[in-house]
N, C-alpha and C. Protein backbone atom coordinates (compact mmCIF):
# COMPACT_ATOMS: atom_id res chain seq x y z
N PRO A 1 19.16 -136.84 211.20
CA PRO A 1 18.10 -137.03 210.76
C PRO A 1 17.60 -138.09 211.96
N ASP A 2 16.74 -137.99 212.91
CA ASP A 2 16.14 -139.11 213.71
C ASP A 2 15.45 -140.22 212.83
N THR A 3 16.50 -141.06 213.08
CA THR A 3 16.19 -142.61 212.29
C THR A 3 15.54 -143.68 213.17
N LYS A 4 14.93 -143.38 214.36
CA LYS A 4 14.36 -144.35 214.86
C LYS A 4 12.75 -144.23 214.68
N THR A 5 11.88 -145.14 215.17
CA THR A 5 10.61 -145.48 215.04
C THR A 5 10.10 -145.86 216.10
N SER A 6 9.08 -145.71 216.73
CA SER A 6 8.12 -146.93 217.49
C SER A 6 7.58 -147.93 217.32
N LEU A 7 7.57 -148.07 216.01
CA LEU A 7 6.97 -149.39 215.42
C LEU A 7 8.10 -150.54 215.73
N SER A 8 7.36 -151.90 216.43
CA SER A 8 8.44 -153.36 216.16
C SER A 8 7.40 -153.71 215.65
N LEU A 9 9.08 -155.06 215.19
CA LEU A 9 8.32 -155.98 214.47
C LEU A 9 7.47 -157.09 214.91
N GLN A 10 6.57 -157.30 214.08
CA GLN A 10 5.06 -158.26 214.19
C GLN A 10 5.41 -159.84 213.72
N PRO A 11 4.89 -160.53 214.32
CA PRO A 11 5.17 -161.94 213.78
C PRO A 11 4.84 -162.13 212.72
N LEU A 12 4.79 -162.68 211.99
CA LEU A 12 4.37 -163.48 210.75
C LEU A 12 3.53 -163.49 210.54
N PRO A 13 2.35 -163.09 209.53
CA PRO A 13 1.11 -163.64 210.11
C PRO A 13 0.74 -165.05 209.16
N ASN A 14 -0.51 -165.91 209.70
CA ASN A 14 -0.48 -167.14 208.61
C ASN A 14 -1.03 -166.35 207.02
N ALA A 15 -0.43 -165.12 206.64
CA ALA A 15 -1.98 -165.25 205.08
C ALA A 15 -1.39 -165.82 203.96
N ARG A 16 -2.56 -165.99 203.51
CA ARG A 16 -2.04 -167.07 202.02
C ARG A 16 -2.08 -166.46 201.00
N ILE A 17 -2.39 -165.53 201.07
CA ILE A 17 -1.60 -164.53 200.00
C ILE A 17 -0.38 -163.88 199.75
N VAL A 18 0.40 -164.04 198.85
CA VAL A 18 1.89 -163.61 198.67
C VAL A 18 1.94 -162.70 197.71
N LEU A 19 2.78 -161.72 197.67
CA LEU A 19 2.61 -160.55 196.60
C LEU A 19 4.35 -160.48 196.91
N ARG A 20 5.22 -160.68 195.68
CA ARG A 20 6.53 -160.52 195.74
C ARG A 20 6.72 -158.79 194.99
N TRP A 21 6.79 -158.12 195.81
CA TRP A 21 7.41 -156.83 195.04
C TRP A 21 8.17 -156.44 194.42
N ALA A 22 8.46 -155.98 193.03
CA ALA A 22 9.81 -155.55 192.37
C ALA A 22 10.98 -156.84 192.20
N GLY A 23 10.58 -157.91 191.86
CA GLY A 23 11.42 -159.08 192.44
C GLY A 23 11.90 -159.75 193.38
N ALA A 24 11.30 -159.23 194.43
CA ALA A 24 12.00 -159.71 195.53
C ALA A 24 11.00 -161.42 195.50
N GLY A 25 12.07 -162.28 196.16
CA GLY A 25 12.22 -163.62 196.03
C GLY A 25 12.01 -164.37 195.25
N ASP A 26 12.80 -163.39 194.04
CA ASP A 26 13.01 -164.02 192.48
C ASP A 26 14.39 -164.40 192.69
N PRO A 27 14.58 -166.16 192.06
CA PRO A 27 13.38 -166.60 191.26
C PRO A 27 11.97 -167.66 191.92
N GLU A 28 12.85 -168.11 193.03
CA GLU A 28 11.77 -168.87 193.75
C GLU A 28 11.76 -168.41 195.09
N LEU A 29 10.87 -169.19 195.98
CA LEU A 29 10.77 -168.68 196.97
C LEU A 29 10.36 -169.91 198.04
N PRO A 30 11.28 -169.60 199.15
CA PRO A 30 11.39 -171.14 199.77
C PRO A 30 10.03 -171.40 200.67
N ASP A 31 10.16 -173.07 200.23
CA ASP A 31 9.11 -173.29 200.73
C ASP A 31 8.18 -173.05 201.89
N ILE A 32 9.28 -172.41 202.59
CA ILE A 32 8.25 -172.05 204.13
C ILE A 32 6.91 -170.82 203.68
N ILE A 33 7.41 -170.23 202.82
CA ILE A 33 6.95 -169.13 202.18
C ILE A 33 5.60 -169.80 201.36
N SER A 34 6.11 -170.56 200.14
CA SER A 34 5.42 -170.68 199.78
C SER A 34 4.25 -171.61 199.71
N THR A 35 4.70 -172.91 200.55
CA THR A 35 3.56 -173.82 201.01
C THR A 35 2.50 -173.36 201.39
N GLY A 36 0.99 -173.82 200.60
CA GLY A 36 -0.19 -173.67 201.50
C GLY A 36 -0.67 -172.04 201.15
N LYS A 37 -0.11 -171.53 200.14
CA LYS A 37 -0.81 -170.51 199.63
C LYS A 37 -2.18 -170.70 198.40
N ASN A 38 -2.54 -169.37 198.58
CA ASN A 38 -3.81 -169.69 197.53
C ASN A 38 -3.79 -168.86 196.81
N LEU A 39 -2.82 -167.98 196.66
CA LEU A 39 -2.10 -166.66 195.39
C LEU A 39 -1.23 -166.24 195.87
N ILE A 40 -0.16 -166.50 194.45
CA ILE A 40 1.43 -165.79 194.89
C ILE A 40 1.16 -165.04 193.82
N THR A 41 1.98 -164.13 193.46
CA THR A 41 1.78 -163.12 192.37
C THR A 41 2.80 -161.85 192.76
N LYS A 42 2.73 -161.37 191.72
CA LYS A 42 3.88 -159.98 191.66
C LYS A 42 3.68 -158.52 191.11
N ALA A 43 4.15 -157.34 191.62
CA ALA A 43 4.07 -156.28 191.38
C ALA A 43 5.16 -155.02 191.26
N GLY A 44 5.17 -154.09 190.80
CA GLY A 44 6.13 -153.34 190.60
C GLY A 44 7.47 -153.53 190.44
N GLY A 45 8.85 -152.82 190.12
CA GLY A 45 9.77 -153.14 189.77
C GLY A 45 9.41 -152.89 187.96
N GLY A 46 10.08 -154.09 187.22
CA GLY A 46 9.32 -154.38 185.94
C GLY A 46 8.30 -154.42 185.11
N MET A 47 7.08 -154.41 185.86
CA MET A 47 5.28 -154.98 185.64
C MET A 47 5.27 -152.81 185.57
N THR A 48 4.31 -153.15 184.59
CA THR A 48 3.15 -152.25 183.69
C THR A 48 2.47 -151.72 185.32
N LEU A 49 2.12 -150.41 185.22
CA LEU A 49 0.93 -150.58 186.04
C LEU A 49 -0.63 -150.71 185.65
N THR A 50 -0.77 -150.65 184.31
CA THR A 50 -1.61 -151.89 183.95
C THR A 50 -1.14 -153.51 184.67
N ASP A 51 -0.27 -154.20 184.99
CA ASP A 51 0.28 -155.19 184.97
C ASP A 51 -0.33 -155.10 187.01
N ASP A 52 -0.34 -153.73 187.57
CA ASP A 52 -0.16 -153.89 189.12
C ASP A 52 -1.48 -153.59 188.76
N ARG A 53 -2.43 -153.10 188.41
CA ARG A 53 -4.17 -152.86 188.99
C ARG A 53 -4.50 -154.37 188.84
N GLN A 54 -3.95 -155.29 187.54
CA GLN A 54 -4.71 -156.33 187.45
C GLN A 54 -4.43 -157.01 188.89
N THR A 55 -3.03 -156.78 188.99
CA THR A 55 -2.63 -157.40 190.51
C THR A 55 -3.79 -157.28 191.79
N LEU A 56 -3.79 -155.86 191.77
CA LEU A 56 -4.76 -155.18 192.63
C LEU A 56 -6.69 -156.03 192.98
N ASN A 57 -6.51 -155.89 191.47
CA ASN A 57 -7.45 -156.64 191.69
C ASN A 57 -7.73 -158.09 191.49
N GLU A 58 -6.85 -158.71 191.13
CA GLU A 58 -6.95 -159.88 191.52
C GLU A 58 -6.56 -160.79 193.35
N ILE A 59 -5.64 -159.55 193.42
CA ILE A 59 -5.74 -160.15 195.59
C ILE A 59 -7.17 -159.60 195.94
N ALA A 60 -7.66 -159.00 195.64
CA ALA A 60 -9.01 -157.86 195.97
C ALA A 60 -10.33 -159.09 195.65
N THR A 61 -10.23 -160.13 194.82
CA THR A 61 -11.21 -161.44 194.75
C THR A 61 -10.94 -162.52 195.00
N GLN A 62 -9.12 -162.38 195.63
CA GLN A 62 -8.89 -163.47 196.84
C GLN A 62 -9.46 -163.21 197.85
N LEU A 63 -8.90 -162.02 198.55
CA LEU A 63 -9.46 -161.59 200.08
C LEU A 63 -10.95 -161.95 199.95
N ALA A 64 -11.56 -161.48 199.24
CA ALA A 64 -13.38 -161.80 199.76
C ALA A 64 -13.23 -163.26 199.70
N GLN A 65 -12.64 -164.63 199.10
CA GLN A 65 -12.99 -165.29 199.77
C GLN A 65 -12.20 -165.92 200.76
N GLU A 66 -11.29 -164.93 201.59
CA GLU A 66 -10.41 -165.61 202.27
C GLU A 66 -11.12 -165.26 204.00
N SER A 67 -11.02 -166.01 205.00
CA SER A 67 -11.20 -165.74 206.00
C SER A 67 -10.07 -164.36 207.06
N CYS A 68 -8.74 -164.83 206.49
CA CYS A 68 -8.11 -163.94 207.19
C CYS A 68 -7.22 -162.57 205.57
N LEU A 69 -8.10 -161.41 206.07
CA LEU A 69 -7.82 -160.46 205.11
C LEU A 69 -6.19 -159.90 205.45
N CYS A 70 -5.20 -160.85 205.52
CA CYS A 70 -4.04 -160.68 205.46
C CYS A 70 -3.62 -160.72 204.08
N VAL A 71 -2.21 -159.56 203.48
CA VAL A 71 -0.84 -159.94 202.55
C VAL A 71 0.40 -159.87 202.64
N LEU A 72 1.08 -161.41 202.72
CA LEU A 72 2.37 -161.25 202.76
C LEU A 72 3.27 -160.51 201.36
N LEU A 73 3.91 -159.37 201.67
CA LEU A 73 4.12 -158.24 200.35
C LEU A 73 5.76 -158.28 200.78
N PHE A 74 6.60 -159.41 199.60
CA PHE A 74 7.92 -159.27 199.81
C PHE A 74 8.64 -158.47 199.38
N THR A 75 9.86 -157.42 199.70
CA THR A 75 10.66 -156.28 199.45
C THR A 75 11.82 -157.44 199.80
N ARG A 76 13.04 -156.13 198.53
CA ARG A 76 13.95 -156.55 199.13
C ARG A 76 15.01 -155.57 200.10
N SER A 77 15.41 -156.04 201.40
CA SER A 77 15.45 -155.01 202.38
C SER A 77 16.48 -154.26 201.91
N TRP A 78 17.28 -154.11 201.30
CA TRP A 78 18.72 -153.33 200.80
C TRP A 78 17.96 -152.38 199.52
N GLU A 79 16.70 -152.34 199.29
CA GLU A 79 15.76 -151.51 198.31
C GLU A 79 15.02 -150.72 199.35
N PRO A 80 15.25 -149.65 199.01
CA PRO A 80 14.38 -148.52 200.22
C PRO A 80 13.21 -148.16 199.81
N PRO A 81 12.01 -148.36 200.83
CA PRO A 81 10.87 -148.04 200.08
C PRO A 81 10.22 -146.92 199.13
N THR A 82 9.70 -147.23 198.04
CA THR A 82 9.71 -146.12 196.68
C THR A 82 8.46 -145.54 196.64
N GLY A 83 8.16 -144.73 196.40
CA GLY A 83 7.07 -143.64 195.93
C GLY A 83 5.80 -144.93 195.25
N GLU A 84 6.68 -145.32 194.02
CA GLU A 84 5.67 -146.46 193.33
C GLU A 84 5.18 -147.33 194.19
N LEU A 85 5.86 -147.92 195.42
CA LEU A 85 5.17 -149.29 196.44
C LEU A 85 4.13 -148.23 197.45
N ASP A 86 4.30 -146.85 197.68
CA ASP A 86 3.64 -146.03 198.51
C ASP A 86 2.14 -146.09 197.72
N ASP A 87 1.85 -145.47 196.26
CA ASP A 87 1.27 -145.17 195.37
C ASP A 87 0.30 -146.64 195.65
N PHE A 88 1.23 -148.22 195.28
CA PHE A 88 0.36 -149.04 194.98
C PHE A 88 -0.44 -149.44 196.58
N LEU A 89 0.40 -149.20 197.50
CA LEU A 89 -0.68 -149.40 198.45
C LEU A 89 -1.60 -148.88 198.99
N THR A 90 -1.83 -147.47 198.50
CA THR A 90 -2.65 -146.51 198.43
C THR A 90 -3.80 -146.68 197.88
N SER A 91 -3.39 -147.41 196.84
CA SER A 91 -4.96 -148.19 195.71
C SER A 91 -5.35 -149.46 196.58
N ALA A 92 -4.24 -150.20 197.37
CA ALA A 92 -4.75 -151.39 198.16
C ALA A 92 -5.83 -150.92 198.71
N ARG A 93 -4.99 -150.02 199.84
CA ARG A 93 -6.37 -149.72 200.88
C ARG A 93 -7.76 -149.11 200.26
N GLU A 94 -7.61 -148.47 199.06
CA GLU A 94 -8.71 -148.48 198.56
C GLU A 94 -10.09 -149.24 198.10
N LEU A 95 -8.93 -150.32 197.82
CA LEU A 95 -9.44 -151.79 196.69
C LEU A 95 -9.75 -152.05 197.37
N TRP A 96 -9.03 -153.18 198.09
CA TRP A 96 -9.28 -154.37 198.88
C TRP A 96 -10.14 -154.12 200.58
N PRO A 97 -10.40 -155.12 200.76
CA PRO A 97 -12.12 -155.07 201.40
C PRO A 97 -11.10 -154.56 202.67
N LYS A 98 -11.98 -153.76 203.58
CA LYS A 98 -11.74 -152.57 204.44
C LYS A 98 -11.71 -153.83 206.00
N GLY A 99 -10.40 -153.66 206.46
CA GLY A 99 -9.84 -154.88 207.39
C GLY A 99 -8.61 -155.26 207.33
N THR A 100 -8.46 -155.20 205.89
CA THR A 100 -7.26 -155.84 205.31
C THR A 100 -6.03 -155.36 205.44
N HIS A 101 -4.92 -156.19 205.98
CA HIS A 101 -3.76 -155.99 206.15
C HIS A 101 -2.50 -156.61 205.79
N VAL A 102 -1.42 -155.77 205.74
CA VAL A 102 -0.22 -155.81 204.55
C VAL A 102 0.44 -156.40 205.68
N ALA A 103 1.33 -157.18 205.70
CA ALA A 103 2.65 -157.51 206.39
C ALA A 103 3.59 -157.34 205.34
N LEU A 104 4.61 -156.35 205.45
CA LEU A 104 5.77 -156.20 204.46
C LEU A 104 6.73 -157.00 205.34
N VAL A 105 7.53 -158.04 204.44
CA VAL A 105 8.49 -159.17 205.01
C VAL A 105 10.06 -158.62 204.04
N PRO A 106 10.78 -158.05 203.98
CA PRO A 106 11.94 -157.67 203.63
C PRO A 106 13.02 -158.40 203.83
N LEU A 107 13.22 -158.85 202.61
CA LEU A 107 14.14 -160.05 202.61
C LEU A 107 15.64 -159.51 201.82
N ALA A 108 16.35 -160.44 202.99
CA ALA A 108 18.00 -160.44 202.92
C ALA A 108 18.21 -160.61 201.81
N ASN A 109 19.66 -160.29 200.92
CA ASN A 109 20.31 -161.15 199.31
C ASN A 109 19.96 -162.46 199.46
N ARG A 110 20.46 -162.90 200.94
CA ARG A 110 20.21 -164.80 200.60
C ARG A 110 18.47 -165.18 201.62
N VAL A 111 17.80 -165.32 200.99
CA VAL A 111 16.13 -165.24 201.81
C VAL A 111 16.67 -166.15 203.21
N GLU A 112 17.41 -166.97 203.46
CA GLU A 112 18.06 -167.85 204.62
C GLU A 112 18.49 -167.17 205.64
N GLN A 113 19.43 -165.69 205.63
CA GLN A 113 19.80 -164.78 206.36
C GLN A 113 18.76 -164.00 206.35
N ALA A 114 18.83 -163.35 207.75
CA ALA A 114 17.69 -161.90 208.48
C ALA A 114 18.33 -160.91 207.67
N PRO A 115 17.57 -159.55 207.00
CA PRO A 115 18.29 -158.77 206.76
C PRO A 115 18.98 -157.63 207.86
N ASP A 116 19.70 -156.65 207.77
CA ASP A 116 20.22 -156.25 208.43
C ASP A 116 19.02 -155.22 209.39
N ALA A 117 19.75 -154.66 210.96
CA ALA A 117 18.74 -154.14 211.51
C ALA A 117 18.50 -152.59 210.51
N HIS A 118 19.39 -151.99 210.70
CA HIS A 118 19.31 -150.97 209.48
C HIS A 118 18.83 -150.80 208.25
N LEU A 119 18.62 -151.82 207.68
CA LEU A 119 17.48 -151.55 206.60
C LEU A 119 16.26 -152.16 207.02
N VAL A 120 15.78 -153.02 208.51
CA VAL A 120 14.23 -152.82 208.52
C VAL A 120 13.82 -152.28 209.16
N GLN A 121 15.23 -151.05 209.81
CA GLN A 121 14.74 -149.20 210.37
C GLN A 121 14.04 -148.69 209.09
N GLN A 122 14.13 -149.00 207.73
CA GLN A 122 13.54 -148.09 207.02
C GLN A 122 12.18 -148.37 206.81
N TRP A 123 11.92 -149.87 206.76
CA TRP A 123 10.79 -150.22 206.82
C TRP A 123 9.97 -150.24 207.67
N LEU A 124 10.44 -150.10 209.04
CA LEU A 124 9.80 -149.52 209.83
C LEU A 124 9.26 -148.46 210.08
N ARG A 125 10.01 -147.07 208.96
CA ARG A 125 9.76 -146.13 208.78
C ARG A 125 8.47 -145.93 208.01
N PHE A 126 9.04 -146.82 206.81
CA PHE A 126 7.60 -146.68 206.29
C PHE A 126 6.59 -147.20 206.47
N ALA A 127 6.19 -148.31 207.17
CA ALA A 127 5.05 -148.87 207.66
C ALA A 127 4.15 -147.56 208.21
N ALA A 128 5.67 -146.76 209.77
CA ALA A 128 4.84 -145.77 210.08
C ALA A 128 3.80 -144.83 208.71
N ARG A 129 4.39 -144.48 208.36
CA ARG A 129 4.16 -143.54 207.13
C ARG A 129 2.80 -143.89 206.95
N VAL A 130 3.25 -144.76 206.23
CA VAL A 130 1.21 -145.91 205.92
C VAL A 130 1.00 -145.46 206.20
N GLY A 131 0.63 -146.12 207.63
CA GLY A 131 0.03 -146.33 208.86
C GLY A 131 -0.34 -148.15 209.09
N PRO A 132 0.06 -148.44 210.33
CA PRO A 132 0.31 -149.25 211.50
C PRO A 132 -0.94 -150.19 211.44
N GLU A 133 -2.27 -149.38 211.47
CA GLU A 133 -3.23 -150.23 210.73
C GLU A 133 -3.72 -150.73 210.02
N PHE A 134 -2.48 -150.55 208.65
CA PHE A 134 -2.59 -151.20 207.90
C PHE A 134 -1.57 -152.00 207.06
N VAL A 135 -0.83 -151.49 207.51
CA VAL A 135 0.96 -152.01 207.19
C VAL A 135 1.47 -152.63 208.41
N THR A 136 2.16 -153.61 208.60
CA THR A 136 3.20 -153.67 209.34
C THR A 136 4.33 -154.80 208.72
N VAL A 137 5.69 -154.85 209.67
CA VAL A 137 6.66 -155.39 209.29
C VAL A 137 6.91 -156.83 209.98
N SER A 138 7.15 -157.61 209.09
CA SER A 138 7.69 -158.88 210.16
C SER A 138 8.60 -159.75 209.16
N LEU A 139 9.32 -160.32 209.87
CA LEU A 139 10.93 -160.99 208.88
C LEU A 139 10.24 -162.00 209.12
N LEU A 140 10.68 -163.40 208.39
CA LEU A 140 11.08 -164.57 208.33
C LEU A 140 11.25 -165.39 209.33
N PRO A 141 10.68 -166.67 209.46
CA PRO A 141 11.53 -167.64 210.65
C PRO A 141 12.72 -167.47 211.09
N ASP A 142 13.63 -167.66 211.89
CA ASP A 142 14.95 -167.65 211.90
C ASP A 142 15.39 -169.18 211.76
N TYR A 143 15.84 -169.17 210.34
CA TYR A 143 16.31 -170.79 210.22
C TYR A 143 17.30 -170.98 211.05
N ASP A 144 18.55 -170.32 211.69
CA ASP A 144 19.61 -170.63 212.13
C ASP A 144 18.95 -171.17 213.65
N ALA A 145 17.93 -170.67 214.58
CA ALA A 145 17.50 -171.54 215.06
C ALA A 145 16.74 -173.03 215.53
N VAL A 146 16.51 -173.75 214.28
CA VAL A 146 16.57 -174.66 213.86
C VAL A 146 17.27 -175.76 213.38
N SER A 147 18.49 -175.17 212.70
CA SER A 147 19.33 -176.05 212.14
C SER A 147 20.79 -176.21 213.04
N ASP A 148 21.31 -177.04 212.85
CA ASP A 148 22.73 -177.43 213.12
C ASP A 148 23.22 -175.78 212.52
N THR A 149 24.14 -175.36 213.32
CA THR A 149 25.27 -174.69 213.16
C THR A 149 26.94 -174.87 212.96
N GLY A 150 27.08 -176.51 212.97
CA GLY A 150 28.64 -177.04 212.13
C GLY A 150 29.18 -177.02 214.05
N ARG A 151 29.16 -176.97 214.69
CA ARG A 151 29.44 -177.16 216.16
C ARG A 151 29.31 -178.37 217.07
N GLY A 152 28.12 -178.72 216.16
CA GLY A 152 27.49 -180.18 216.58
C GLY A 152 26.10 -179.48 217.58
N VAL A 153 25.67 -178.46 217.97
CA VAL A 153 24.87 -178.07 218.51
C VAL A 153 23.59 -177.12 218.30
N VAL A 154 22.97 -177.54 218.33
CA VAL A 154 21.74 -176.78 217.93
C VAL A 154 20.78 -176.01 218.85
N GLU A 155 20.57 -174.78 217.93
CA GLU A 155 20.73 -173.96 218.92
C GLU A 155 19.26 -173.38 218.86
C-alpha cells in the first residue's frame, strides 16, 4: 500500500488548551507543554463516552474564551489512530467554535525523544483523512538542539 502523504509537519502552535488522548503524556507532561496553559484535560482510552462528552463541552467552553482557537491533542505515537479518536474529532468539529484547529502531537515513549518517522507518517495520513483544515500534526521542539550532547558541543 501507498504509505505516503502530501501533508507535512506543522510548527507547534502556541495553544493554551491541552488534551491528552488515551493516557498520552502520563504521568506528567513536560513543563514546556504544561506551562501557561488554561486547560489540561484528557479523553479516550479508559475514559467513558460520558467523560469524553464532558471533555468536549469543557473544551468548547474554554475555546469560547480564547483568542486562539487551537487545541493541542497529545497522542502516543506508537498507538495507531483509532475509530474512537476519529469519532471524538467528528464530535469536536460539530461542537467547537467554527475555525477551531487541532494540532495532533504524537509523543515518543520517552517524551524527550522524537517519535520514529514511520510512526509520525501514520498520524499525518490520519490528519489528511480527517481534514487538514481542522487537524494537523506537530512535534515537540527538539530538545537535543539546545542541550549539551556530552561531546562538549552544543548543537
